[in-house]
Protein backbone atom coordinates (compact mmCIF):
# COMPACT_ATOMS: atom_id res chain seq x y z
CA UNK A 1 0.00 0.00 0.00
CA UNK A 2 2.79 2.43 0.84
CA UNK A 3 4.69 1.62 -2.34
CA UNK A 4 1.59 2.18 -4.46
CA UNK A 5 0.91 5.50 -2.75
CA UNK A 6 4.52 6.59 -3.29
CA UNK A 7 4.42 5.64 -6.98
CA UNK A 8 1.13 7.48 -7.56
CA UNK A 9 2.50 10.51 -5.72
CA UNK A 10 5.59 10.58 -7.96
CA UNK A 11 3.52 10.23 -11.14
CA UNK A 12 1.03 12.93 -10.18
CA UNK A 13 3.80 15.28 -9.06
CA UNK A 14 5.38 15.26 -12.54
CA UNK A 15 2.14 14.99 -14.50
CA UNK A 16 0.18 17.61 -16.39
CA UNK A 17 -3.52 17.29 -15.62
CA UNK A 18 -5.73 17.94 -18.64
CA UNK A 19 -9.43 18.60 -18.29
CA UNK A 20 -11.71 18.25 -21.28
CA UNK A 21 -15.14 19.83 -21.25
CA UNK A 22 -17.88 18.76 -23.59
CA UNK A 23 -19.69 15.66 -24.70
CA UNK A 24 -17.90 12.33 -24.76
CA UNK A 25 -18.28 10.38 -28.01
CA UNK A 26 -17.49 7.09 -26.27
CA UNK A 27 -20.02 7.68 -23.49
CA UNK A 28 -22.73 8.71 -25.98
CA UNK A 29 -21.99 5.66 -28.15
CA UNK A 30 -21.98 3.31 -25.15
CA UNK A 31 -25.31 4.65 -23.95
CA UNK A 32 -26.90 4.45 -27.40
CA UNK A 33 -25.84 0.81 -27.92
CA UNK A 34 -27.07 -0.10 -24.43
CA UNK A 35 -30.58 1.18 -25.22
CA UNK A 36 -30.86 -0.90 -28.43
C-alpha atoms as a PDB file:
ATOM      1  CA  UNK A   1       0.000   0.000   0.000  1.00  0.00           C
ATOM      2  CA  UNK A   2       2.792   2.432   0.842  1.00  0.00           C
ATOM      3  CA  UNK A   3       4.692   1.622  -2.335  1.00  0.00           C
ATOM      4  CA  UNK A   4       1.592   2.179  -4.463  1.00  0.00           C
ATOM      5  CA  UNK A   5       0.906   5.503  -2.753  1.00  0.00           C
ATOM      6  CA  UNK A   6       4.517   6.587  -3.287  1.00  0.00           C
ATOM      7  CA  UNK A   7       4.423   5.641  -6.985  1.00  0.00           C
ATOM      8  CA  UNK A   8       1.134   7.476  -7.562  1.00  0.00           C
ATOM      9  CA  UNK A   9       2.497  10.514  -5.719  1.00  0.00           C
ATOM     10  CA  UNK A  10       5.588  10.583  -7.964  1.00  0.00           C
ATOM     11  CA  UNK A  11       3.522  10.231 -11.136  1.00  0.00           C
ATOM     12  CA  UNK A  12       1.029  12.932 -10.176  1.00  0.00           C
ATOM     13  CA  UNK A  13       3.797  15.282  -9.062  1.00  0.00           C
ATOM     14  CA  UNK A  14       5.380  15.256 -12.543  1.00  0.00           C
ATOM     15  CA  UNK A  15       2.136  14.989 -14.501  1.00  0.00           C
ATOM     16  CA  UNK A  16       0.177  17.608 -16.386  1.00  0.00           C
ATOM     17  CA  UNK A  17      -3.521  17.294 -15.623  1.00  0.00           C
ATOM     18  CA  UNK A  18      -5.728  17.936 -18.643  1.00  0.00           C
ATOM     19  CA  UNK A  19      -9.431  18.598 -18.289  1.00  0.00           C
ATOM     20  CA  UNK A  20     -11.707  18.252 -21.280  1.00  0.00           C
ATOM     21  CA  UNK A  21     -15.137  19.826 -21.248  1.00  0.00           C
ATOM     22  CA  UNK A  22     -17.882  18.763 -23.591  1.00  0.00           C
ATOM     23  CA  UNK A  23     -19.693  15.661 -24.697  1.00  0.00           C
ATOM     24  CA  UNK A  24     -17.899  12.331 -24.762  1.00  0.00           C
ATOM     25  CA  UNK A  25     -18.279  10.384 -28.013  1.00  0.00           C
ATOM     26  CA  UNK A  26     -17.491   7.095 -26.266  1.00  0.00           C
ATOM     27  CA  UNK A  27     -20.019   7.682 -23.494  1.00  0.00           C
ATOM     28  CA  UNK A  28     -22.727   8.714 -25.980  1.00  0.00           C
ATOM     29  CA  UNK A  29     -21.990   5.662 -28.150  1.00  0.00           C
ATOM     30  CA  UNK A  30     -21.985   3.307 -25.154  1.00  0.00           C
ATOM     31  CA  UNK A  31     -25.310   4.649 -23.946  1.00  0.00           C
ATOM     32  CA  UNK A  32     -26.900   4.450 -27.396  1.00  0.00           C
ATOM     33  CA  UNK A  33     -25.844   0.814 -27.916  1.00  0.00           C
ATOM     34  CA  UNK A  34     -27.074  -0.105 -24.434  1.00  0.00           C
ATOM     35  CA  UNK A  35     -30.575   1.182 -25.224  1.00  0.00           C
ATOM     36  CA  UNK A  36     -30.862  -0.899 -28.429  1.00  0.00           C
END
